[in-house]
Amino acid sequence: MSALYIDADACPVKQEAERVATRHGLRMFVVSNGGLRPSQNPLVETVIVAEGADVADMWIAERCGPGDVVVTGDIPLAAKCIEAGARVLRHNGERFTQANIGQQLAMRDLMADLRAANPLGTQGGGKGFTKADRSRFLDALERELRAAKSGR
């Protein structure tokens, strides 16, 4: 296994991921458009990419591959990473796989169409990030890193 990549813009589990990566002695790349405080951990590299749509996503997608784990909530990025052979997790621990990514992309597109068709807009955002989500993420990340190490 070579690396853990974090799509860091709006990622609520950067610190948790760093603890797990450090425990495994794994390089971690925290990729964003800026505004993040760099970690002092020598295993963690903060990558600031140029401003622009999907620049951080492209940076990750161009570098990840078999044996790597990517943490993102971005479904198109997840699809590219899966295609490259990486393992991919959402921030709440849900796993993106070859078997479910097509359905995830279709649902994302459907929801975008529904939002665009609603002239009144919607109120509020998604559900909040809970302690249970954080716990599921930690458990899932540990499983994925072990599986990546063993080549499963």
N, C-alpha and C. Protein backbone atom coordinates (compact mmCIF):
# COMPACT_ATOMS: atom_id res chain seq x y z
N MET A 1 0.86 -1.17 0.00
CA MET A 1 0.00 0.00 0.00
C MET A 1 0.90 1.22 0.00
N SER A 2 0.51 2.21 -0.77
CA SER A 2 1.39 3.36 -0.86
C SER A 2 0.89 4.60 -0.14
N ALA A 3 -0.41 4.92 -0.18
CA ALA A 3 -0.82 6.21 0.39
C ALA A 3 -2.31 6.26 0.73
N LEU A 4 -2.61 7.23 1.59
CA LEU A 4 -3.99 7.60 1.92
C LEU A 4 -4.19 9.01 1.39
N TYR A 5 -5.20 9.20 0.57
CA TYR A 5 -5.51 10.51 -0.01
C TYR A 5 -6.81 11.01 0.61
N ILE A 6 -6.78 12.27 1.07
CA ILE A 6 -7.96 12.89 1.66
C ILE A 6 -8.39 14.06 0.79
N ASP A 7 -9.61 14.00 0.27
CA ASP A 7 -10.22 15.13 -0.42
C ASP A 7 -10.68 16.06 0.70
N ALA A 8 -9.83 17.04 1.04
CA ALA A 8 -9.95 17.73 2.31
C ALA A 8 -10.96 18.86 2.37
N ASP A 9 -11.41 19.38 1.26
CA ASP A 9 -12.41 20.45 1.32
C ASP A 9 -13.68 19.89 1.96
N ALA A 10 -14.08 20.47 3.07
CA ALA A 10 -15.28 20.06 3.81
C ALA A 10 -15.20 18.64 4.35
N CYS A 11 -14.01 18.15 4.62
CA CYS A 11 -13.84 16.80 5.18
C CYS A 11 -13.84 16.87 6.70
N PRO A 12 -14.79 16.23 7.36
CA PRO A 12 -14.87 16.31 8.82
C PRO A 12 -14.00 15.29 9.56
N VAL A 13 -13.23 14.48 8.85
CA VAL A 13 -12.49 13.40 9.51
C VAL A 13 -10.98 13.43 9.22
N LYS A 14 -10.45 14.60 8.95
CA LYS A 14 -9.01 14.72 8.66
C LYS A 14 -8.16 14.26 9.84
N GLN A 15 -8.49 14.70 11.03
CA GLN A 15 -7.70 14.34 12.21
C GLN A 15 -7.77 12.84 12.50
N GLU A 16 -8.94 12.27 12.37
CA GLU A 16 -9.10 10.83 12.59
C GLU A 16 -8.28 10.04 11.58
N ALA A 17 -8.35 10.47 10.31
CA ALA A 17 -7.60 9.79 9.27
C ALA A 17 -6.10 9.87 9.53
N GLU A 18 -5.65 11.03 10.01
CA GLU A 18 -4.23 11.19 10.32
C GLU A 18 -3.79 10.24 11.43
N ARG A 19 -4.61 10.10 12.45
CA ARG A 19 -4.25 9.17 13.54
C ARG A 19 -4.12 7.74 13.03
N VAL A 20 -5.06 7.32 12.21
CA VAL A 20 -5.03 5.95 11.69
C VAL A 20 -3.84 5.77 10.74
N ALA A 21 -3.62 6.73 9.86
CA ALA A 21 -2.48 6.64 8.93
C ALA A 21 -1.16 6.59 9.69
N THR A 22 -1.03 7.38 10.74
CA THR A 22 0.19 7.39 11.54
C THR A 22 0.41 6.04 12.21
N ARG A 23 -0.66 5.47 12.73
CA ARG A 23 -0.57 4.16 13.37
C ARG A 23 -0.07 3.10 12.39
N HIS A 24 -0.44 3.26 11.12
CA HIS A 24 -0.02 2.30 10.09
C HIS A 24 1.30 2.71 9.43
N GLY A 25 1.85 3.85 9.81
CA GLY A 25 3.09 4.33 9.19
C GLY A 25 2.92 4.66 7.72
N LEU A 26 1.77 5.19 7.39
CA LEU A 26 1.36 5.42 6.00
C LEU A 26 1.43 6.90 5.62
N ARG A 27 1.91 7.17 4.42
CA ARG A 27 1.90 8.55 3.91
C ARG A 27 0.46 8.97 3.65
N MET A 28 0.17 10.21 4.01
CA MET A 28 -1.18 10.75 3.83
C MET A 28 -1.07 12.09 3.12
N PHE A 29 -1.88 12.25 2.09
CA PHE A 29 -1.94 13.50 1.33
C PHE A 29 -3.28 14.16 1.61
N VAL A 30 -3.24 15.38 2.15
CA VAL A 30 -4.44 16.15 2.44
C VAL A 30 -4.52 17.22 1.35
N VAL A 31 -5.47 17.06 0.43
CA VAL A 31 -5.52 17.86 -0.78
C VAL A 31 -6.70 18.82 -0.74
N SER A 32 -6.41 20.12 -0.97
CA SER A 32 -7.48 21.12 -0.97
C SER A 32 -7.06 22.34 -1.78
N ASN A 33 -7.99 23.29 -1.89
CA ASN A 33 -7.73 24.57 -2.55
C ASN A 33 -7.15 25.59 -1.59
N GLY A 34 -6.90 25.21 -0.35
CA GLY A 34 -6.30 26.12 0.62
C GLY A 34 -7.15 26.25 1.86
N GLY A 35 -6.67 27.07 2.79
CA GLY A 35 -7.41 27.33 4.00
C GLY A 35 -7.23 26.27 5.07
N LEU A 36 -6.29 25.35 4.90
CA LEU A 36 -6.06 24.33 5.90
C LEU A 36 -4.76 24.59 6.64
N ARG A 37 -4.76 24.28 7.90
CA ARG A 37 -3.53 24.38 8.69
C ARG A 37 -2.73 23.09 8.44
N PRO A 38 -1.49 23.22 7.97
CA PRO A 38 -0.68 22.02 7.72
C PRO A 38 -0.39 21.25 9.00
N SER A 39 -0.34 19.96 8.89
CA SER A 39 -0.01 19.10 10.01
C SER A 39 1.50 19.12 10.22
N GLN A 40 1.91 18.96 11.45
CA GLN A 40 3.34 18.87 11.76
C GLN A 40 3.83 17.43 11.63
N ASN A 41 2.93 16.51 11.38
CA ASN A 41 3.26 15.09 11.24
C ASN A 41 4.08 14.89 9.96
N PRO A 42 5.27 14.28 10.06
CA PRO A 42 6.09 14.09 8.86
C PRO A 42 5.49 13.13 7.83
N LEU A 43 4.50 12.33 8.23
CA LEU A 43 3.85 11.43 7.29
C LEU A 43 2.73 12.10 6.50
N VAL A 44 2.36 13.32 6.92
CA VAL A 44 1.23 14.01 6.30
C VAL A 44 1.73 15.16 5.45
N GLU A 45 1.35 15.13 4.19
CA GLU A 45 1.69 16.22 3.27
C GLU A 45 0.42 16.98 2.92
N THR A 46 0.43 18.28 3.18
CA THR A 46 -0.69 19.13 2.80
C THR A 46 -0.44 19.64 1.39
N VAL A 47 -1.35 19.33 0.49
CA VAL A 47 -1.21 19.72 -0.91
C VAL A 47 -2.24 20.80 -1.20
N ILE A 48 -1.76 21.99 -1.54
CA ILE A 48 -2.65 23.08 -1.91
C ILE A 48 -2.60 23.21 -3.43
N VAL A 49 -3.74 23.00 -4.06
CA VAL A 49 -3.81 23.07 -5.51
C VAL A 49 -4.35 24.44 -5.93
N ALA A 50 -4.21 24.75 -7.20
CA ALA A 50 -4.71 26.01 -7.73
C ALA A 50 -6.23 26.08 -7.59
N GLU A 51 -6.73 27.30 -7.51
CA GLU A 51 -8.18 27.51 -7.48
C GLU A 51 -8.78 27.00 -8.79
N GLY A 52 -9.97 26.50 -8.70
CA GLY A 52 -10.66 26.05 -9.90
C GLY A 52 -11.49 24.82 -9.60
N ALA A 53 -12.49 24.63 -10.43
CA ALA A 53 -13.40 23.51 -10.24
C ALA A 53 -12.66 22.18 -10.40
N ASP A 54 -12.79 21.34 -9.41
CA ASP A 54 -12.29 19.96 -9.45
C ASP A 54 -10.78 19.82 -9.56
N VAL A 55 -10.01 20.86 -9.27
CA VAL A 55 -8.55 20.77 -9.36
C VAL A 55 -8.01 19.79 -8.32
N ALA A 56 -8.52 19.86 -7.10
CA ALA A 56 -8.09 18.92 -6.06
C ALA A 56 -8.48 17.49 -6.44
N ASP A 57 -9.67 17.33 -6.99
CA ASP A 57 -10.11 16.01 -7.41
C ASP A 57 -9.20 15.44 -8.49
N MET A 58 -8.84 16.27 -9.46
CA MET A 58 -7.95 15.81 -10.53
C MET A 58 -6.59 15.41 -9.98
N TRP A 59 -6.08 16.16 -9.00
CA TRP A 59 -4.78 15.85 -8.41
C TRP A 59 -4.81 14.45 -7.79
N ILE A 60 -5.87 14.17 -7.05
CA ILE A 60 -6.00 12.86 -6.41
C ILE A 60 -6.18 11.76 -7.46
N ALA A 61 -7.09 11.97 -8.40
CA ALA A 61 -7.39 10.95 -9.40
C ALA A 61 -6.17 10.60 -10.25
N GLU A 62 -5.31 11.56 -10.51
CA GLU A 62 -4.12 11.31 -11.32
C GLU A 62 -3.06 10.52 -10.58
N ARG A 63 -3.13 10.47 -9.25
CA ARG A 63 -2.06 9.85 -8.46
C ARG A 63 -2.45 8.55 -7.77
N CYS A 64 -3.72 8.37 -7.47
CA CYS A 64 -4.11 7.18 -6.72
C CYS A 64 -4.12 5.95 -7.62
N GLY A 65 -4.01 4.81 -6.97
CA GLY A 65 -4.02 3.56 -7.73
C GLY A 65 -4.19 2.37 -6.81
N PRO A 66 -3.91 1.18 -7.32
CA PRO A 66 -4.07 -0.03 -6.50
C PRO A 66 -3.25 0.06 -5.21
N GLY A 67 -3.86 -0.33 -4.11
CA GLY A 67 -3.20 -0.28 -2.82
C GLY A 67 -3.40 1.02 -2.08
N ASP A 68 -3.95 2.03 -2.74
CA ASP A 68 -4.21 3.31 -2.09
C ASP A 68 -5.64 3.34 -1.56
N VAL A 69 -5.86 4.21 -0.57
CA VAL A 69 -7.20 4.45 -0.04
C VAL A 69 -7.48 5.94 -0.19
N VAL A 70 -8.67 6.27 -0.68
CA VAL A 70 -9.09 7.65 -0.89
C VAL A 70 -10.33 7.91 -0.03
N VAL A 71 -10.34 9.06 0.63
CA VAL A 71 -11.50 9.47 1.43
C VAL A 71 -12.10 10.70 0.75
N THR A 72 -13.35 10.56 0.30
CA THR A 72 -14.02 11.66 -0.38
C THR A 72 -15.53 11.49 -0.29
N GLY A 73 -16.23 12.59 -0.41
CA GLY A 73 -17.68 12.57 -0.53
C GLY A 73 -18.10 12.87 -1.96
N ASP A 74 -17.12 13.09 -2.82
CA ASP A 74 -17.36 13.47 -4.22
C ASP A 74 -17.52 12.20 -5.06
N ILE A 75 -18.71 11.96 -5.57
CA ILE A 75 -19.01 10.72 -6.27
C ILE A 75 -18.26 10.60 -7.59
N PRO A 76 -18.18 11.65 -8.43
CA PRO A 76 -17.38 11.50 -9.65
C PRO A 76 -15.90 11.22 -9.35
N LEU A 77 -15.34 11.84 -8.32
CA LEU A 77 -13.97 11.53 -7.94
C LEU A 77 -13.87 10.08 -7.49
N ALA A 78 -14.81 9.63 -6.69
CA ALA A 78 -14.81 8.24 -6.25
C ALA A 78 -14.79 7.29 -7.44
N ALA A 79 -15.59 7.59 -8.47
CA ALA A 79 -15.64 6.73 -9.65
C ALA A 79 -14.27 6.67 -10.35
N LYS A 80 -13.61 7.81 -10.46
CA LYS A 80 -12.28 7.84 -11.09
C LYS A 80 -11.27 7.05 -10.27
N CYS A 81 -11.34 7.17 -8.97
CA CYS A 81 -10.39 6.46 -8.11
C CYS A 81 -10.62 4.96 -8.14
N ILE A 82 -11.88 4.54 -8.15
CA ILE A 82 -12.19 3.11 -8.26
C ILE A 82 -11.66 2.58 -9.59
N GLU A 83 -11.87 3.34 -10.65
CA GLU A 83 -11.37 2.95 -11.97
C GLU A 83 -9.84 2.79 -11.95
N ALA A 84 -9.16 3.60 -11.16
CA ALA A 84 -7.70 3.54 -11.04
C ALA A 84 -7.25 2.40 -10.14
N GLY A 85 -8.19 1.74 -9.46
CA GLY A 85 -7.85 0.61 -8.61
C GLY A 85 -7.76 0.91 -7.14
N ALA A 86 -8.06 2.15 -6.73
CA ALA A 86 -7.99 2.52 -5.31
C ALA A 86 -9.25 2.08 -4.58
N ARG A 87 -9.14 2.00 -3.27
CA ARG A 87 -10.28 1.76 -2.39
C ARG A 87 -10.80 3.14 -1.97
N VAL A 88 -12.12 3.31 -1.88
CA VAL A 88 -12.68 4.64 -1.64
C VAL A 88 -13.75 4.59 -0.56
N LEU A 89 -13.63 5.52 0.39
CA LEU A 89 -14.59 5.66 1.49
C LEU A 89 -15.19 7.05 1.51
N ARG A 90 -16.44 7.12 1.93
CA ARG A 90 -17.06 8.40 2.28
C ARG A 90 -16.61 8.76 3.69
N HIS A 91 -16.89 9.98 4.09
CA HIS A 91 -16.52 10.46 5.43
C HIS A 91 -17.27 9.73 6.53
N ASN A 92 -18.41 9.15 6.21
CA ASN A 92 -19.18 8.43 7.23
C ASN A 92 -18.89 6.93 7.25
N GLY A 93 -17.89 6.50 6.49
CA GLY A 93 -17.49 5.10 6.49
C GLY A 93 -18.10 4.25 5.40
N GLU A 94 -19.07 4.79 4.66
CA GLU A 94 -19.65 4.01 3.56
C GLU A 94 -18.59 3.82 2.49
N ARG A 95 -18.57 2.63 1.91
CA ARG A 95 -17.56 2.31 0.91
C ARG A 95 -18.15 2.46 -0.50
N PHE A 96 -17.40 3.13 -1.36
CA PHE A 96 -17.73 3.15 -2.78
C PHE A 96 -17.04 1.93 -3.40
N THR A 97 -17.75 1.20 -4.24
CA THR A 97 -17.18 0.02 -4.88
C THR A 97 -17.55 0.02 -6.36
N GLN A 98 -16.91 -0.89 -7.09
CA GLN A 98 -17.25 -1.07 -8.49
C GLN A 98 -18.73 -1.45 -8.63
N ALA A 99 -19.24 -2.19 -7.65
CA ALA A 99 -20.62 -2.66 -7.71
C ALA A 99 -21.64 -1.57 -7.43
N ASN A 100 -21.29 -0.52 -6.66
CA ASN A 100 -22.31 0.48 -6.31
C ASN A 100 -22.06 1.86 -6.92
N ILE A 101 -20.92 2.08 -7.56
CA ILE A 101 -20.61 3.44 -8.02
C ILE A 101 -21.54 3.91 -9.14
N GLY A 102 -21.95 3.00 -10.01
CA GLY A 102 -22.87 3.39 -11.09
C GLY A 102 -24.19 3.91 -10.54
N GLN A 103 -24.73 3.20 -9.56
CA GLN A 103 -25.98 3.62 -8.94
C GLN A 103 -25.79 4.95 -8.20
N GLN A 104 -24.65 5.12 -7.54
CA GLN A 104 -24.37 6.36 -6.83
C GLN A 104 -24.32 7.55 -7.80
N LEU A 105 -23.66 7.35 -8.95
CA LEU A 105 -23.59 8.42 -9.95
C LEU A 105 -24.97 8.76 -10.50
N ALA A 106 -25.77 7.72 -10.78
CA ALA A 106 -27.12 7.94 -11.30
C ALA A 106 -27.99 8.70 -10.29
N MET A 107 -27.89 8.32 -9.02
CA MET A 107 -28.67 8.99 -7.98
C MET A 107 -28.22 10.45 -7.83
N ARG A 108 -26.92 10.68 -7.90
CA ARG A 108 -26.40 12.05 -7.82
C ARG A 108 -26.97 12.90 -8.95
N ASP A 109 -26.97 12.36 -10.16
CA ASP A 109 -27.49 13.10 -11.31
C ASP A 109 -28.99 13.35 -11.18
N LEU A 110 -29.72 12.34 -10.71
CA LEU A 110 -31.16 12.49 -10.52
C LEU A 110 -31.45 13.59 -9.50
N MET A 111 -30.73 13.58 -8.39
CA MET A 111 -30.96 14.60 -7.35
C MET A 111 -30.60 16.00 -7.86
N ALA A 112 -29.55 16.10 -8.67
CA ALA A 112 -29.19 17.40 -9.26
C ALA A 112 -30.31 17.90 -10.17
N ASP A 113 -30.89 16.99 -10.95
CA ASP A 113 -32.00 17.36 -11.83
C ASP A 113 -33.22 17.80 -11.02
N LEU A 114 -33.51 17.08 -9.94
CA LEU A 114 -34.65 17.45 -9.11
C LEU A 114 -34.45 18.80 -8.45
N ARG A 115 -33.24 19.07 -7.98
CA ARG A 115 -32.97 20.38 -7.37
C ARG A 115 -33.10 21.49 -8.41
N ALA A 116 -32.62 21.23 -9.61
CA ALA A 116 -32.70 22.24 -10.68
C ALA A 116 -34.14 22.50 -11.10
N ALA A 117 -35.00 21.48 -11.00
CA ALA A 117 -36.39 21.62 -11.41
C ALA A 117 -37.26 22.28 -10.35
N ASN A 118 -36.76 22.45 -9.14
CA ASN A 118 -37.54 23.03 -8.06
C ASN A 118 -37.33 24.55 -8.05
N PRO A 119 -38.30 25.31 -8.54
CA PRO A 119 -38.13 26.76 -8.63
C PRO A 119 -38.07 27.45 -7.27
N LEU A 120 -38.56 26.80 -6.23
CA LEU A 120 -38.56 27.41 -4.90
C LEU A 120 -37.29 27.10 -4.12
N GLY A 121 -36.49 26.19 -4.62
CA GLY A 121 -35.27 25.81 -3.91
C GLY A 121 -35.60 24.92 -2.73
N THR A 122 -34.59 24.57 -1.98
CA THR A 122 -34.79 23.73 -0.81
C THR A 122 -34.22 24.44 0.41
N GLN A 123 -34.71 24.08 1.54
CA GLN A 123 -34.25 24.67 2.79
C GLN A 123 -33.31 23.70 3.49
N GLY A 124 -32.30 24.24 4.12
CA GLY A 124 -31.40 23.41 4.91
C GLY A 124 -30.46 22.58 4.06
N GLY A 125 -29.61 21.84 4.70
CA GLY A 125 -28.67 20.98 4.01
C GLY A 125 -28.97 19.54 4.33
N GLY A 126 -27.95 18.73 4.20
CA GLY A 126 -28.09 17.32 4.52
C GLY A 126 -28.11 17.12 6.02
N LYS A 127 -28.16 15.86 6.42
CA LYS A 127 -28.17 15.59 7.85
C LYS A 127 -26.80 15.87 8.43
N GLY A 128 -26.76 16.16 9.71
CA GLY A 128 -25.52 16.50 10.39
C GLY A 128 -24.60 15.29 10.52
N PHE A 129 -23.32 15.57 10.71
CA PHE A 129 -22.31 14.53 10.90
C PHE A 129 -22.28 14.17 12.38
N THR A 130 -22.52 12.90 12.70
CA THR A 130 -22.67 12.48 14.09
C THR A 130 -21.45 11.72 14.61
N LYS A 131 -21.45 11.49 15.92
CA LYS A 131 -20.40 10.67 16.52
C LYS A 131 -20.44 9.26 15.94
N ALA A 132 -21.63 8.76 15.67
CA ALA A 132 -21.76 7.43 15.08
C ALA A 132 -21.13 7.39 13.68
N ASP A 133 -21.31 8.47 12.90
CA ASP A 133 -20.67 8.54 11.58
C ASP A 133 -19.16 8.50 11.73
N ARG A 134 -18.64 9.25 12.68
CA ARG A 134 -17.19 9.30 12.92
C ARG A 134 -16.67 7.92 13.32
N SER A 135 -17.39 7.25 14.17
CA SER A 135 -17.00 5.91 14.62
C SER A 135 -17.03 4.92 13.45
N ARG A 136 -18.09 4.98 12.63
CA ARG A 136 -18.17 4.11 11.45
C ARG A 136 -17.01 4.37 10.50
N PHE A 137 -16.66 5.66 10.34
CA PHE A 137 -15.54 6.00 9.47
C PHE A 137 -14.24 5.38 9.99
N LEU A 138 -13.96 5.54 11.27
CA LEU A 138 -12.73 5.00 11.84
C LEU A 138 -12.64 3.49 11.65
N ASP A 139 -13.74 2.80 11.89
CA ASP A 139 -13.78 1.35 11.72
C ASP A 139 -13.56 0.97 10.26
N ALA A 140 -14.25 1.67 9.36
CA ALA A 140 -14.13 1.37 7.93
C ALA A 140 -12.73 1.68 7.40
N LEU A 141 -12.14 2.79 7.84
CA LEU A 141 -10.80 3.13 7.39
C LEU A 141 -9.80 2.07 7.85
N GLU A 142 -9.92 1.64 9.07
CA GLU A 142 -9.04 0.59 9.58
C GLU A 142 -9.16 -0.68 8.73
N ARG A 143 -10.39 -1.09 8.43
CA ARG A 143 -10.61 -2.28 7.59
C ARG A 143 -10.00 -2.10 6.20
N GLU A 144 -10.23 -0.93 5.59
CA GLU A 144 -9.72 -0.70 4.23
C GLU A 144 -8.20 -0.68 4.20
N LEU A 145 -7.58 -0.06 5.18
CA LEU A 145 -6.11 -0.02 5.21
C LEU A 145 -5.53 -1.42 5.39
N ARG A 146 -6.14 -2.21 6.25
CA ARG A 146 -5.67 -3.60 6.43
C ARG A 146 -5.85 -4.41 5.16
N ALA A 147 -7.01 -4.25 4.52
CA ALA A 147 -7.25 -4.97 3.27
C ALA A 147 -6.28 -4.53 2.18
N ALA A 148 -6.01 -3.23 2.11
CA ALA A 148 -5.07 -2.72 1.10
C ALA A 148 -3.67 -3.27 1.36
N LYS A 149 -3.26 -3.34 2.63
CA LYS A 149 -1.94 -3.88 2.98
C LYS A 149 -1.80 -5.33 2.56
N SER A 150 -2.88 -6.09 2.76
CA SER A 150 -2.82 -7.52 2.46
C SER A 150 -3.09 -7.80 0.99
N GLY A 151 -3.46 -6.78 0.23
CA GLY A 151 -3.73 -6.95 -1.20
C GLY A 151 -5.07 -7.57 -1.52
N ARG A 152 -5.99 -7.59 -0.55
CA ARG A 152 -7.32 -8.17 -0.79
C ARG A 152 -8.22 -7.19 -1.52
